[in-house]
Amino acid sequence: MSEPAELTESELIERFAALPVANVGDAMDRLNVVDSGIQSVWPSAGIRMAGRAVPVTVAGGDNLGIHEVIPTLEPGDVLVVNGQGATHRALIGELIAGRAMARGCVGFVLDASVRDAVDLEQMRFPVFARGTTPAGPYRNGPFQAQVAAAVGTVVVNPGDLVLGDDDGVAVVPWSRAAEVLLKAEAKHAAEMKQRAEIGF
């Protein structure tokens, strides 16, 4: 198996995608894990996401910045939205998700609410958020894009690695990706060995 420093960006992300997010969090001393209030909105289990962060900060309940950023997304991107933790308005639904998917976006993480959870699961589009509501958003602004954004107490910089599964979300600073991958893979291997010894 190739050393992380020798991997291409896509190969590195693929290796991370094969790991439980919990192991990645452990490899970062339990730091850079998004708070547990931000979870998968799919009604059932099975979500998995790995990609590069495109951070956006918007006013609570307002999604103008999301509309502006969607046309700039590239394959492998994860849209990460600081929605101020506001849960009274859904910032995205299946239509915005569909536009993002068409551009190759691999998921959303929002410190805010969303809607159309069942549709999002049927689309197999990973979305992590603070909740759901049928109430639609405003579209007045202001917003900031492609600058550091705080989401669930974690600062996310453009290009950081964002991982999600049924446990939640972790953010790996891109400058530390190779180091964290080695530690996370070692942690996962150790846990698999322990499981085998226990007998499950």
N, C-alpha and C. Protein backbone atom coordinates (compact mmCIF):
# COMPACT_ATOMS: atom_id res chain seq x y z
N MET A 1 0.85 -1.19 0.00
CA MET A 1 0.00 0.00 0.00
C MET A 1 0.89 1.25 0.00
N SER A 2 0.53 2.21 -0.85
CA SER A 2 1.35 3.41 -0.99
C SER A 2 1.30 4.27 0.27
N GLU A 3 2.42 4.95 0.53
CA GLU A 3 2.45 5.90 1.64
C GLU A 3 1.56 7.10 1.30
N PRO A 4 0.88 7.71 2.29
CA PRO A 4 -0.02 8.82 2.01
C PRO A 4 0.63 9.97 1.25
N ALA A 5 1.90 10.27 1.56
CA ALA A 5 2.57 11.38 0.89
C ALA A 5 2.74 11.14 -0.60
N GLU A 6 2.64 9.88 -1.03
CA GLU A 6 2.82 9.54 -2.44
C GLU A 6 1.50 9.48 -3.19
N LEU A 7 0.39 9.64 -2.50
CA LEU A 7 -0.92 9.48 -3.12
C LEU A 7 -1.36 10.75 -3.83
N THR A 8 -2.17 10.57 -4.87
CA THR A 8 -2.83 11.72 -5.47
C THR A 8 -3.95 12.19 -4.55
N GLU A 9 -4.49 13.36 -4.81
CA GLU A 9 -5.58 13.88 -3.99
C GLU A 9 -6.76 12.91 -3.97
N SER A 10 -7.15 12.40 -5.13
CA SER A 10 -8.30 11.50 -5.19
C SER A 10 -8.02 10.19 -4.47
N GLU A 11 -6.79 9.69 -4.54
CA GLU A 11 -6.44 8.45 -3.84
C GLU A 11 -6.46 8.65 -2.33
N LEU A 12 -5.99 9.81 -1.89
CA LEU A 12 -5.99 10.11 -0.46
C LEU A 12 -7.43 10.18 0.07
N ILE A 13 -8.29 10.86 -0.66
CA ILE A 13 -9.69 10.96 -0.24
C ILE A 13 -10.35 9.58 -0.24
N GLU A 14 -10.01 8.74 -1.22
CA GLU A 14 -10.58 7.39 -1.28
C GLU A 14 -10.18 6.57 -0.06
N ARG A 15 -8.93 6.71 0.37
CA ARG A 15 -8.47 5.98 1.56
C ARG A 15 -9.22 6.47 2.80
N PHE A 16 -9.39 7.78 2.93
CA PHE A 16 -10.14 8.31 4.07
C PHE A 16 -11.59 7.83 4.03
N ALA A 17 -12.19 7.77 2.85
CA ALA A 17 -13.59 7.39 2.72
C ALA A 17 -13.85 5.97 3.20
N ALA A 18 -12.83 5.14 3.23
CA ALA A 18 -12.98 3.75 3.67
C ALA A 18 -12.93 3.61 5.19
N LEU A 19 -12.65 4.70 5.90
CA LEU A 19 -12.47 4.64 7.35
C LEU A 19 -13.70 5.17 8.08
N PRO A 20 -14.01 4.63 9.26
CA PRO A 20 -15.04 5.24 10.10
C PRO A 20 -14.60 6.64 10.54
N VAL A 21 -15.54 7.56 10.55
CA VAL A 21 -15.21 8.92 10.99
C VAL A 21 -14.69 8.92 12.42
N ALA A 22 -15.18 8.00 13.25
CA ALA A 22 -14.70 7.93 14.64
C ALA A 22 -13.20 7.67 14.70
N ASN A 23 -12.68 6.82 13.81
CA ASN A 23 -11.25 6.55 13.80
C ASN A 23 -10.45 7.77 13.37
N VAL A 24 -11.01 8.53 12.44
CA VAL A 24 -10.34 9.76 12.00
C VAL A 24 -10.32 10.77 13.14
N GLY A 25 -11.43 10.90 13.86
CA GLY A 25 -11.45 11.80 15.01
C GLY A 25 -10.45 11.39 16.07
N ASP A 26 -10.36 10.09 16.34
CA ASP A 26 -9.38 9.60 17.31
C ASP A 26 -7.96 9.96 16.89
N ALA A 27 -7.71 9.89 15.58
CA ALA A 27 -6.38 10.17 15.05
C ALA A 27 -6.00 11.64 15.18
N MET A 28 -6.99 12.51 15.44
CA MET A 28 -6.74 13.93 15.64
C MET A 28 -6.92 14.29 17.12
N ASP A 29 -6.69 13.32 18.02
CA ASP A 29 -6.84 13.54 19.46
C ASP A 29 -8.24 13.98 19.82
N ARG A 30 -9.24 13.48 19.09
CA ARG A 30 -10.66 13.78 19.30
C ARG A 30 -11.02 15.24 19.03
N LEU A 31 -10.15 15.96 18.35
CA LEU A 31 -10.42 17.34 17.96
C LEU A 31 -10.92 17.37 16.52
N ASN A 32 -11.42 18.51 16.10
CA ASN A 32 -11.91 18.72 14.73
C ASN A 32 -13.09 17.83 14.38
N VAL A 33 -13.84 17.41 15.41
CA VAL A 33 -15.07 16.66 15.18
C VAL A 33 -16.24 17.61 15.38
N VAL A 34 -17.09 17.71 14.38
CA VAL A 34 -18.23 18.63 14.43
C VAL A 34 -19.20 18.18 15.52
N ASP A 35 -19.80 19.13 16.23
CA ASP A 35 -20.62 18.76 17.39
C ASP A 35 -21.80 17.89 16.97
N SER A 36 -22.27 17.09 17.92
CA SER A 36 -23.23 16.04 17.62
C SER A 36 -24.61 16.55 17.25
N GLY A 37 -24.82 17.85 17.36
CA GLY A 37 -26.09 18.41 16.92
C GLY A 37 -26.23 18.43 15.41
N ILE A 38 -25.12 18.28 14.71
CA ILE A 38 -25.14 18.23 13.24
C ILE A 38 -24.98 16.78 12.82
N GLN A 39 -26.06 16.22 12.28
CA GLN A 39 -26.12 14.80 11.95
C GLN A 39 -26.72 14.59 10.57
N SER A 40 -26.60 13.37 10.07
CA SER A 40 -27.25 13.02 8.81
C SER A 40 -28.75 13.27 8.91
N VAL A 41 -29.32 13.81 7.84
CA VAL A 41 -30.77 14.03 7.82
C VAL A 41 -31.50 12.88 7.14
N TRP A 42 -30.77 11.89 6.62
CA TRP A 42 -31.44 10.74 6.00
C TRP A 42 -32.25 10.00 7.06
N PRO A 43 -33.44 9.54 6.72
CA PRO A 43 -34.25 8.79 7.70
C PRO A 43 -33.65 7.45 8.11
N SER A 44 -32.81 6.85 7.26
CA SER A 44 -32.20 5.57 7.61
C SER A 44 -30.69 5.66 7.55
N ALA A 45 -30.03 4.59 7.98
CA ALA A 45 -28.57 4.59 8.07
C ALA A 45 -27.93 4.34 6.70
N GLY A 46 -26.62 4.51 6.65
CA GLY A 46 -25.87 4.17 5.46
C GLY A 46 -25.19 5.32 4.76
N ILE A 47 -25.19 6.50 5.40
CA ILE A 47 -24.59 7.66 4.75
C ILE A 47 -23.06 7.60 4.84
N ARG A 48 -22.40 8.09 3.79
CA ARG A 48 -20.94 8.18 3.79
C ARG A 48 -20.53 9.29 2.82
N MET A 49 -19.60 10.14 3.27
CA MET A 49 -19.19 11.30 2.48
C MET A 49 -17.72 11.59 2.70
N ALA A 50 -17.02 11.98 1.65
CA ALA A 50 -15.63 12.42 1.75
C ALA A 50 -15.33 13.34 0.59
N GLY A 51 -14.82 14.54 0.90
CA GLY A 51 -14.49 15.48 -0.16
C GLY A 51 -13.82 16.72 0.39
N ARG A 52 -13.52 17.66 -0.53
CA ARG A 52 -12.83 18.90 -0.18
C ARG A 52 -13.84 20.00 0.13
N ALA A 53 -13.56 20.79 1.17
CA ALA A 53 -14.50 21.79 1.68
C ALA A 53 -14.54 23.05 0.82
N VAL A 54 -15.78 23.50 0.58
CA VAL A 54 -16.05 24.83 0.03
C VAL A 54 -16.89 25.54 1.08
N PRO A 55 -16.27 26.37 1.94
CA PRO A 55 -17.01 27.00 3.04
C PRO A 55 -17.78 28.24 2.59
N VAL A 56 -18.96 28.40 3.19
CA VAL A 56 -19.80 29.57 2.97
C VAL A 56 -20.39 29.99 4.32
N THR A 57 -20.41 31.27 4.59
CA THR A 57 -21.08 31.80 5.78
C THR A 57 -22.26 32.65 5.32
N VAL A 58 -23.44 32.36 5.87
CA VAL A 58 -24.64 33.08 5.48
C VAL A 58 -25.33 33.63 6.71
N ALA A 59 -26.24 34.57 6.50
CA ALA A 59 -27.08 35.05 7.59
C ALA A 59 -28.06 33.95 7.97
N GLY A 60 -28.45 33.92 9.25
CA GLY A 60 -29.36 32.88 9.71
C GLY A 60 -30.66 32.87 8.91
N GLY A 61 -31.00 31.72 8.36
CA GLY A 61 -32.24 31.58 7.60
C GLY A 61 -32.18 32.08 6.17
N ASP A 62 -31.00 32.47 5.69
CA ASP A 62 -30.86 33.07 4.35
C ASP A 62 -29.91 32.21 3.50
N ASN A 63 -30.29 31.90 2.26
CA ASN A 63 -29.45 31.03 1.44
C ASN A 63 -28.94 31.68 0.15
N LEU A 64 -28.91 33.01 0.09
CA LEU A 64 -28.39 33.67 -1.10
C LEU A 64 -26.98 33.19 -1.42
N GLY A 65 -26.13 33.07 -0.40
CA GLY A 65 -24.75 32.64 -0.62
C GLY A 65 -24.66 31.25 -1.21
N ILE A 66 -25.56 30.37 -0.81
CA ILE A 66 -25.56 29.01 -1.35
C ILE A 66 -25.88 29.04 -2.84
N HIS A 67 -26.90 29.81 -3.21
CA HIS A 67 -27.25 29.93 -4.63
C HIS A 67 -26.08 30.49 -5.45
N GLU A 68 -25.35 31.42 -4.87
CA GLU A 68 -24.23 32.03 -5.60
C GLU A 68 -23.06 31.06 -5.76
N VAL A 69 -22.88 30.18 -4.79
CA VAL A 69 -21.72 29.28 -4.81
C VAL A 69 -21.97 28.02 -5.62
N ILE A 70 -23.20 27.54 -5.69
CA ILE A 70 -23.49 26.29 -6.39
C ILE A 70 -22.88 26.23 -7.79
N PRO A 71 -22.98 27.29 -8.63
CA PRO A 71 -22.42 27.20 -9.98
C PRO A 71 -20.90 27.10 -10.03
N THR A 72 -20.23 27.35 -8.90
CA THR A 72 -18.76 27.29 -8.86
C THR A 72 -18.25 25.95 -8.36
N LEU A 73 -19.13 25.06 -7.90
CA LEU A 73 -18.70 23.79 -7.33
C LEU A 73 -18.06 22.90 -8.38
N GLU A 74 -17.11 22.10 -7.93
CA GLU A 74 -16.40 21.19 -8.81
C GLU A 74 -16.50 19.77 -8.27
N PRO A 75 -16.25 18.76 -9.11
CA PRO A 75 -16.33 17.36 -8.65
C PRO A 75 -15.48 17.12 -7.41
N GLY A 76 -16.08 16.46 -6.42
CA GLY A 76 -15.38 16.16 -5.18
C GLY A 76 -15.55 17.18 -4.09
N ASP A 77 -16.24 18.29 -4.37
CA ASP A 77 -16.45 19.33 -3.36
C ASP A 77 -17.52 18.93 -2.35
N VAL A 78 -17.36 19.43 -1.13
CA VAL A 78 -18.40 19.38 -0.09
C VAL A 78 -18.72 20.81 0.29
N LEU A 79 -19.97 21.20 0.13
CA LEU A 79 -20.38 22.55 0.53
C LEU A 79 -20.59 22.57 2.04
N VAL A 80 -19.88 23.45 2.73
CA VAL A 80 -19.94 23.56 4.18
C VAL A 80 -20.48 24.94 4.52
N VAL A 81 -21.61 24.98 5.22
CA VAL A 81 -22.33 26.24 5.42
C VAL A 81 -22.43 26.59 6.89
N ASN A 82 -21.88 27.74 7.26
CA ASN A 82 -22.14 28.32 8.58
C ASN A 82 -23.44 29.11 8.46
N GLY A 83 -24.52 28.49 8.94
CA GLY A 83 -25.82 29.14 8.91
C GLY A 83 -26.19 29.75 10.24
N GLN A 84 -25.16 30.02 11.07
CA GLN A 84 -25.35 30.65 12.39
C GLN A 84 -26.11 29.75 13.35
N GLY A 85 -26.26 28.48 13.02
CA GLY A 85 -27.00 27.57 13.89
C GLY A 85 -28.50 27.80 13.87
N ALA A 86 -28.98 28.66 12.98
CA ALA A 86 -30.42 28.97 12.92
C ALA A 86 -31.19 27.79 12.35
N THR A 87 -32.26 27.41 13.02
CA THR A 87 -33.02 26.24 12.58
C THR A 87 -34.45 26.58 12.16
N HIS A 88 -34.80 27.87 12.09
CA HIS A 88 -36.17 28.25 11.77
C HIS A 88 -36.47 28.24 10.28
N ARG A 89 -35.44 28.15 9.44
CA ARG A 89 -35.62 28.12 7.99
C ARG A 89 -34.70 27.06 7.39
N ALA A 90 -35.21 26.34 6.40
CA ALA A 90 -34.39 25.36 5.69
C ALA A 90 -33.57 26.06 4.62
N LEU A 91 -32.26 25.87 4.66
CA LEU A 91 -31.40 26.55 3.69
C LEU A 91 -31.30 25.82 2.36
N ILE A 92 -31.54 24.51 2.38
CA ILE A 92 -31.49 23.75 1.12
C ILE A 92 -32.58 22.68 1.14
N GLY A 93 -32.90 22.21 -0.06
CA GLY A 93 -33.79 21.08 -0.24
C GLY A 93 -33.32 20.28 -1.44
N GLU A 94 -34.20 19.44 -1.98
CA GLU A 94 -33.76 18.52 -3.03
C GLU A 94 -33.39 19.23 -4.32
N LEU A 95 -33.97 20.39 -4.61
CA LEU A 95 -33.64 21.08 -5.86
C LEU A 95 -32.22 21.64 -5.84
N ILE A 96 -31.85 22.30 -4.76
CA ILE A 96 -30.48 22.80 -4.64
C ILE A 96 -29.51 21.63 -4.62
N ALA A 97 -29.85 20.57 -3.89
CA ALA A 97 -28.99 19.39 -3.85
C ALA A 97 -28.81 18.81 -5.25
N GLY A 98 -29.88 18.76 -6.01
CA GLY A 98 -29.79 18.23 -7.37
C GLY A 98 -28.85 19.06 -8.24
N ARG A 99 -28.91 20.37 -8.11
CA ARG A 99 -28.00 21.23 -8.88
C ARG A 99 -26.55 20.99 -8.47
N ALA A 100 -26.33 20.82 -7.17
CA ALA A 100 -24.97 20.55 -6.69
C ALA A 100 -24.48 19.19 -7.18
N MET A 101 -25.32 18.18 -7.11
CA MET A 101 -24.95 16.85 -7.60
C MET A 101 -24.55 16.89 -9.07
N ALA A 102 -25.28 17.67 -9.85
CA ALA A 102 -24.99 17.76 -11.28
C ALA A 102 -23.60 18.33 -11.54
N ARG A 103 -23.07 19.07 -10.59
CA ARG A 103 -21.74 19.64 -10.73
C ARG A 103 -20.66 18.75 -10.12
N GLY A 104 -21.07 17.61 -9.55
CA GLY A 104 -20.11 16.69 -8.97
C GLY A 104 -19.89 16.86 -7.49
N CYS A 105 -20.66 17.76 -6.84
CA CYS A 105 -20.57 17.93 -5.39
C CYS A 105 -20.96 16.61 -4.71
N VAL A 106 -20.26 16.26 -3.63
CA VAL A 106 -20.48 14.96 -2.99
C VAL A 106 -21.22 15.06 -1.67
N GLY A 107 -21.62 16.26 -1.25
CA GLY A 107 -22.39 16.37 -0.01
C GLY A 107 -22.41 17.78 0.54
N PHE A 108 -23.28 17.97 1.54
CA PHE A 108 -23.42 19.24 2.24
C PHE A 108 -23.27 19.02 3.74
N VAL A 109 -22.68 20.00 4.42
CA VAL A 109 -22.69 20.08 5.88
C VAL A 109 -23.17 21.47 6.23
N LEU A 110 -24.26 21.56 6.98
CA LEU A 110 -24.85 22.86 7.30
C LEU A 110 -25.08 23.03 8.78
N ASP A 111 -24.61 24.13 9.34
CA ASP A 111 -24.95 24.50 10.71
C ASP A 111 -26.25 25.29 10.63
N ALA A 112 -27.30 24.56 10.28
CA ALA A 112 -28.61 25.13 9.98
C ALA A 112 -29.57 23.98 9.72
N SER A 113 -30.78 24.30 9.32
CA SER A 113 -31.76 23.27 8.98
C SER A 113 -31.89 23.11 7.47
N VAL A 114 -32.47 21.98 7.07
CA VAL A 114 -32.73 21.68 5.67
C VAL A 114 -34.14 21.09 5.57
N ARG A 115 -34.56 20.78 4.36
CA ARG A 115 -35.83 20.08 4.18
C ARG A 115 -35.69 19.01 3.09
N ASP A 116 -36.76 18.26 2.86
CA ASP A 116 -36.78 17.19 1.85
C ASP A 116 -35.84 16.05 2.20
N ALA A 117 -35.80 15.66 3.47
CA ALA A 117 -34.86 14.63 3.92
C ALA A 117 -35.05 13.31 3.18
N VAL A 118 -36.28 12.88 2.98
CA VAL A 118 -36.53 11.61 2.29
C VAL A 118 -36.05 11.68 0.85
N ASP A 119 -36.32 12.80 0.18
CA ASP A 119 -35.84 12.97 -1.19
C ASP A 119 -34.32 12.94 -1.26
N LEU A 120 -33.66 13.57 -0.29
CA LEU A 120 -32.20 13.58 -0.28
C LEU A 120 -31.65 12.17 -0.15
N GLU A 121 -32.29 11.35 0.69
CA GLU A 121 -31.83 9.97 0.81
C GLU A 121 -32.09 9.19 -0.47
N GLN A 122 -33.24 9.39 -1.08
CA GLN A 122 -33.54 8.69 -2.33
C GLN A 122 -32.56 9.08 -3.42
N MET A 123 -32.08 10.32 -3.38
CA MET A 123 -31.07 10.79 -4.33
C MET A 123 -29.68 10.25 -3.98
N ARG A 124 -29.55 9.69 -2.76
CA ARG A 124 -28.26 9.24 -2.23
C ARG A 124 -27.27 10.40 -2.14
N PHE A 125 -27.78 11.57 -1.77
CA PHE A 125 -26.94 12.76 -1.62
C PHE A 125 -26.75 13.02 -0.13
N PRO A 126 -25.51 12.89 0.36
CA PRO A 126 -25.26 13.08 1.79
C PRO A 126 -25.48 14.53 2.25
N VAL A 127 -26.29 14.68 3.28
CA VAL A 127 -26.51 16.00 3.88
C VAL A 127 -26.50 15.84 5.39
N PHE A 128 -25.68 16.66 6.03
CA PHE A 128 -25.60 16.72 7.49
C PHE A 128 -26.05 18.12 7.91
N ALA A 129 -26.95 18.17 8.90
CA ALA A 129 -27.50 19.47 9.29
C ALA A 129 -27.95 19.41 10.74
N ARG A 130 -28.37 20.57 11.25
CA ARG A 130 -28.79 20.66 12.64
C ARG A 130 -30.25 20.24 12.83
N GLY A 131 -30.97 20.13 11.75
CA GLY A 131 -32.36 19.71 11.84
C GLY A 131 -33.06 19.85 10.51
N THR A 132 -34.35 19.61 10.53
CA THR A 132 -35.18 19.78 9.34
C THR A 132 -36.38 20.64 9.68
N THR A 133 -36.87 21.35 8.68
CA THR A 133 -38.07 22.16 8.81
C THR A 133 -38.64 22.35 7.41
N PRO A 134 -39.97 22.43 7.28
CA PRO A 134 -40.54 22.70 5.96
C PRO A 134 -40.45 24.17 5.56
N ALA A 135 -40.11 25.04 6.49
CA ALA A 135 -40.09 26.48 6.21
C ALA A 135 -38.95 26.84 5.27
N GLY A 136 -39.28 27.53 4.19
CA GLY A 136 -38.27 27.93 3.22
C GLY A 136 -37.44 29.11 3.69
N PRO A 137 -36.31 29.36 2.99
CA PRO A 137 -35.37 30.41 3.40
C PRO A 137 -35.68 31.77 2.79
N TYR A 138 -34.99 32.76 3.31
CA TYR A 138 -34.92 34.07 2.67
C TYR A 138 -33.75 34.06 1.69
N ARG A 139 -33.69 35.06 0.83
CA ARG A 139 -32.59 35.13 -0.12
C ARG A 139 -32.17 36.60 -0.29
N ASN A 140 -31.70 37.16 0.82
CA ASN A 140 -31.34 38.58 0.82
C ASN A 140 -29.86 38.84 1.06
N GLY A 141 -29.12 37.85 1.61
CA GLY A 141 -27.74 38.08 1.99
C GLY A 141 -27.67 38.69 3.39
N PRO A 142 -26.48 39.05 3.82
CA PRO A 142 -25.18 38.95 3.14
C PRO A 142 -24.60 37.55 3.25
N PHE A 143 -23.42 37.35 2.64
CA PHE A 143 -22.74 36.07 2.76
C PHE A 143 -21.26 36.26 2.47
N GLN A 144 -20.47 35.28 2.88
CA GLN A 144 -19.04 35.20 2.56
C GLN A 144 -18.77 33.81 2.02
N ALA A 145 -17.97 33.72 0.96
CA ALA A 145 -17.67 32.43 0.35
C ALA A 145 -16.17 32.24 0.22
N GLN A 146 -15.75 30.97 0.32
CA GLN A 146 -14.36 30.56 0.15
C GLN A 146 -13.41 31.26 1.12
N VAL A 147 -13.92 31.49 2.33
CA VAL A 147 -13.08 31.90 3.45
C VAL A 147 -13.42 30.98 4.61
N ALA A 148 -12.57 30.93 5.62
CA ALA A 148 -12.80 30.03 6.75
C ALA A 148 -14.18 30.27 7.35
N ALA A 149 -14.83 29.16 7.71
CA ALA A 149 -16.16 29.23 8.31
C ALA A 149 -16.22 28.30 9.51
N ALA A 150 -16.90 28.72 10.57
CA ALA A 150 -17.08 27.87 11.74
C ALA A 150 -18.37 27.09 11.61
N VAL A 151 -18.27 25.78 11.72
CA VAL A 151 -19.45 24.92 11.60
C VAL A 151 -19.42 23.90 12.73
N GLY A 152 -20.43 23.97 13.59
CA GLY A 152 -20.47 23.04 14.71
C GLY A 152 -19.22 23.09 15.57
N THR A 153 -18.72 24.28 15.86
CA THR A 153 -17.56 24.59 16.69
C THR A 153 -16.22 24.28 16.02
N VAL A 154 -16.21 23.81 14.79
CA VAL A 154 -14.97 23.50 14.08
C VAL A 154 -14.77 24.52 12.96
N VAL A 155 -13.56 25.07 12.88
CA VAL A 155 -13.24 25.99 11.79
C VAL A 155 -12.85 25.18 10.55
N VAL A 156 -13.52 25.48 9.44
CA VAL A 156 -13.28 24.77 8.19
C VAL A 156 -12.69 25.75 7.19
N ASN A 157 -11.52 25.41 6.66
CA ASN A 157 -10.87 26.24 5.66
C ASN A 157 -11.11 25.68 4.27
N PRO A 158 -11.07 26.54 3.25
CA PRO A 158 -11.23 26.04 1.89
C PRO A 158 -10.21 24.93 1.60
N GLY A 159 -10.69 23.83 1.06
CA GLY A 159 -9.81 22.72 0.69
C GLY A 159 -9.57 21.70 1.78
N ASP A 160 -10.05 21.95 3.02
CA ASP A 160 -9.92 20.93 4.07
C ASP A 160 -10.72 19.69 3.67
N LEU A 161 -10.35 18.56 4.23
CA LEU A 161 -11.05 17.31 3.97
C LEU A 161 -12.22 17.19 4.93
N VAL A 162 -13.41 16.93 4.39
CA VAL A 162 -14.62 16.79 5.21
C VAL A 162 -15.14 15.37 5.06
N LEU A 163 -15.29 14.69 6.19
CA LEU A 163 -15.74 13.30 6.21
C LEU A 163 -17.02 13.18 7.00
N GLY A 164 -17.94 12.33 6.53
CA GLY A 164 -19.18 12.11 7.26
C GLY A 164 -19.65 10.68 7.15
N ASP A 165 -20.23 10.17 8.23
CA ASP A 165 -20.91 8.88 8.20
C ASP A 165 -22.04 8.92 9.22
N ASP A 166 -22.58 7.77 9.57
CA ASP A 166 -23.74 7.76 10.47
C ASP A 166 -23.43 8.31 11.86
N ASP A 167 -22.17 8.39 12.25
CA ASP A 167 -21.80 8.97 13.55
C ASP A 167 -21.75 10.49 13.52
N GLY A 168 -21.48 11.08 12.36
CA GLY A 168 -21.36 12.53 12.27
C GLY A 168 -20.25 12.95 11.33
N VAL A 169 -19.66 14.11 11.60
CA VAL A 169 -18.73 14.76 10.67
C VAL A 169 -17.41 15.09 11.36
N ALA A 170 -16.32 14.90 10.64
CA ALA A 170 -15.00 15.35 11.09
C ALA A 170 -14.33 16.12 9.97
N VAL A 171 -13.46 17.05 10.34
CA VAL A 171 -12.76 17.89 9.38
C VAL A 171 -11.26 17.70 9.57
N VAL A 172 -10.56 17.35 8.50
CA VAL A 172 -9.12 17.15 8.54
C VAL A 172 -8.44 18.31 7.81
N PRO A 173 -7.66 19.12 8.50
CA PRO A 173 -6.91 20.16 7.79
C PRO A 173 -6.07 19.53 6.68
N TRP A 174 -6.15 20.08 5.48
CA TRP A 174 -5.48 19.42 4.36
C TRP A 174 -3.98 19.28 4.60
N SER A 175 -3.39 20.23 5.30
CA SER A 175 -1.95 20.17 5.56
C SER A 175 -1.57 18.98 6.44
N ARG A 176 -2.55 18.40 7.15
CA ARG A 176 -2.29 17.27 8.04
C ARG A 176 -2.85 15.96 7.50
N ALA A 177 -3.35 15.96 6.28
CA ALA A 177 -4.09 14.81 5.78
C ALA A 177 -3.27 13.53 5.78
N ALA A 178 -2.03 13.58 5.30
CA ALA A 178 -1.21 12.37 5.22
C ALA A 178 -0.93 11.81 6.61
N GLU A 179 -0.58 12.69 7.54
CA GLU A 179 -0.30 12.27 8.93
C GLU A 179 -1.52 11.65 9.58
N VAL A 180 -2.67 12.30 9.43
CA VAL A 180 -3.90 11.81 10.06
C VAL A 180 -4.33 10.49 9.43
N LEU A 181 -4.15 10.34 8.13
CA LEU A 181 -4.54 9.10 7.47
C LEU A 181 -3.77 7.91 8.05
N LEU A 182 -2.47 8.06 8.22
CA LEU A 182 -1.66 6.97 8.79
C LEU A 182 -2.16 6.58 10.18
N LYS A 183 -2.41 7.57 11.02
CA LYS A 183 -2.88 7.29 12.37
C LYS A 183 -4.27 6.66 12.37
N ALA A 184 -5.15 7.16 11.51
CA ALA A 184 -6.51 6.64 11.46
C ALA A 184 -6.53 5.20 10.94
N GLU A 185 -5.71 4.91 9.94
CA GLU A 185 -5.66 3.54 9.43
C GLU A 185 -5.09 2.59 10.47
N ALA A 186 -4.11 3.04 11.23
CA ALA A 186 -3.55 2.21 12.30
C ALA A 186 -4.59 1.97 13.39
N LYS A 187 -5.35 3.00 13.74
CA LYS A 187 -6.41 2.86 14.73
C LYS A 187 -7.47 1.87 14.27
N HIS A 188 -7.84 1.98 13.00
CA HIS A 188 -8.86 1.08 12.46
C HIS A 188 -8.37 -0.37 12.45
N ALA A 189 -7.11 -0.56 12.05
CA ALA A 189 -6.56 -1.91 12.03
C ALA A 189 -6.52 -2.52 13.44
N ALA A 190 -6.16 -1.70 14.42
CA ALA A 190 -6.11 -2.18 15.80
C ALA A 190 -7.50 -2.57 16.29
N GLU A 191 -8.50 -1.78 15.94
CA GLU A 191 -9.87 -2.10 16.35
C GLU A 191 -10.38 -3.37 15.67
N MET A 192 -10.04 -3.55 14.40
CA MET A 192 -10.46 -4.76 13.70
C MET A 192 -9.82 -6.00 14.33
N LYS A 193 -8.57 -5.85 14.76
CA LYS A 193 -7.89 -6.96 15.43
C LYS A 193 -8.59 -7.28 16.75
N GLN A 194 -8.95 -6.25 17.50
CA GLN A 194 -9.66 -6.45 18.77
C GLN A 194 -11.01 -7.12 18.54
N ARG A 195 -11.69 -6.73 17.50
CA ARG A 195 -13.00 -7.35 17.18
C ARG A 195 -12.82 -8.84 16.89
N ALA A 196 -11.77 -9.17 16.13
CA ALA A 196 -11.52 -10.57 15.80
C ALA A 196 -11.21 -11.39 17.06
N GLU A 197 -10.45 -10.76 17.96
CA GLU A 197 -10.11 -11.46 19.21
C GLU A 197 -11.35 -11.67 20.09
N ILE A 198 -12.26 -10.70 20.07
CA ILE A 198 -13.49 -10.81 20.84
C ILE A 198 -14.43 -11.84 20.20
N GLY A 199 -14.36 -11.90 18.86
CA GLY A 199 -15.18 -12.87 18.15
C GLY A 199 -16.39 -12.31 17.45
N PHE A 200 -16.32 -11.03 17.05
CA PHE A 200 -17.44 -10.47 16.26
C PHE A 200 -16.90 -9.59 15.14
